[in-house]
Amino acid sequence: MPQTTYFVKECPTCGRKLQVRVEYLGREMVCNHCGGDFLAGDVQDVFTPNEEDCSDAILLRVDELIDKADNNLGKPK
């Protein structure tokens, strides 16, 4: 059974922390709590890549998040 990987994104409108699937990186999302729109990304998104570089940047970030999640799975709680 495949495991879904999430990252935490703070809603820019209401400030609530939301779990977002890594598959949604780069997509427009709507906050479940306040209905505010935001782009699925994280605080490391310090620039807006051009359209040509967008896919590569998103895929690299997804790989980073998956590696981080895999590393955290082996750590004791």
Protein backbone atom coordinates (compact mmCIF):
# COMPACT_ATOMS: atom_id res chain seq x y z
CA MET A 1 0.00 0.00 0.00
CA PRO A 2 1.60 3.30 -1.07
CA GLN A 3 2.20 5.93 1.59
CA THR A 4 1.16 9.52 0.89
CA THR A 5 3.71 12.20 1.76
CA TYR A 6 2.58 15.57 3.04
CA PHE A 7 4.22 18.88 3.86
CA VAL A 8 2.90 21.60 6.15
CA LYS A 9 1.84 24.92 4.62
CA GLU A 10 0.56 27.88 6.60
CA CYS A 11 -2.50 29.50 5.06
CA PRO A 12 -1.54 33.07 4.11
CA THR A 13 -5.07 34.26 4.94
CA CYS A 14 -5.92 32.69 8.30
CA GLY A 15 -2.54 31.34 9.41
CA ARG A 16 -3.69 27.78 10.08
CA LYS A 17 -1.22 25.02 9.34
CA LEU A 18 -2.45 22.74 6.57
CA GLN A 19 -1.18 19.34 5.46
CA VAL A 20 -0.74 19.38 1.69
CA ARG A 21 0.13 16.35 -0.44
CA VAL A 22 3.45 16.72 -2.26
CA GLU A 23 1.60 15.88 -5.48
CA TYR A 24 -0.08 19.31 -5.20
CA LEU A 25 3.15 21.35 -5.16
CA GLY A 26 2.84 24.27 -7.55
CA ARG A 27 -0.95 24.09 -7.76
CA GLU A 28 -3.48 26.62 -6.53
CA MET A 29 -5.21 25.45 -3.37
CA VAL A 30 -8.10 26.58 -1.18
CA CYS A 31 -7.88 26.59 2.62
CA ASN A 32 -10.42 24.21 4.17
CA HIS A 33 -10.93 26.60 7.09
CA CYS A 34 -11.27 30.09 5.61
CA GLY A 35 -11.61 29.49 1.86
CA GLY A 36 -8.49 31.57 1.11
CA ASP A 37 -6.56 30.83 -2.10
CA PHE A 38 -2.84 30.06 -2.04
CA LEU A 39 -0.16 28.34 -4.07
CA ALA A 40 0.94 24.96 -2.71
CA GLY A 41 4.56 25.50 -1.81
CA ASP A 42 6.59 26.08 1.30
CA VAL A 43 8.62 28.82 2.93
CA GLN A 44 11.66 27.91 0.85
CA ASP A 45 9.86 29.30 -2.21
CA VAL A 46 11.80 32.57 -2.18
CA PHE A 47 11.47 33.25 -5.89
CA THR A 48 8.97 32.63 -8.64
CA PRO A 49 10.58 30.53 -11.36
CA ASN A 50 9.67 31.22 -14.97
CA GLU A 51 7.29 28.80 -16.66
CA GLU A 52 10.11 26.87 -18.35
CA ASP A 53 11.93 26.17 -15.06
CA CYS A 54 8.76 25.61 -13.01
CA SER A 55 8.41 21.87 -13.66
CA ASP A 56 12.07 21.17 -12.90
CA ALA A 57 12.00 23.28 -9.73
CA ILE A 58 8.85 21.55 -8.49
CA LEU A 59 10.25 18.09 -9.19
CA LEU A 60 13.50 18.92 -7.39
CA ARG A 61 11.57 20.22 -4.37
CA VAL A 62 9.36 17.11 -4.34
CA ASP A 63 12.50 14.93 -4.31
CA GLU A 64 13.90 16.97 -1.39
CA LEU A 65 10.68 16.60 0.61
CA ILE A 66 10.45 12.87 -0.07
CA ASP A 67 14.09 12.37 0.99
CA LYS A 68 13.46 14.37 4.16
CA ALA A 69 10.34 12.30 4.95
CA ASP A 70 12.21 9.04 4.30
CA ASN A 71 15.03 10.14 6.64
CA ASN A 72 12.52 11.04 9.36
CA LEU A 73 10.81 7.63 9.16
CA GLY A 74 13.89 5.91 10.56
CA LYS A 75 14.21 8.24 13.57
CA PRO A 76 12.75 7.17 16.94
CA LYS A 77 9.89 9.31 18.25
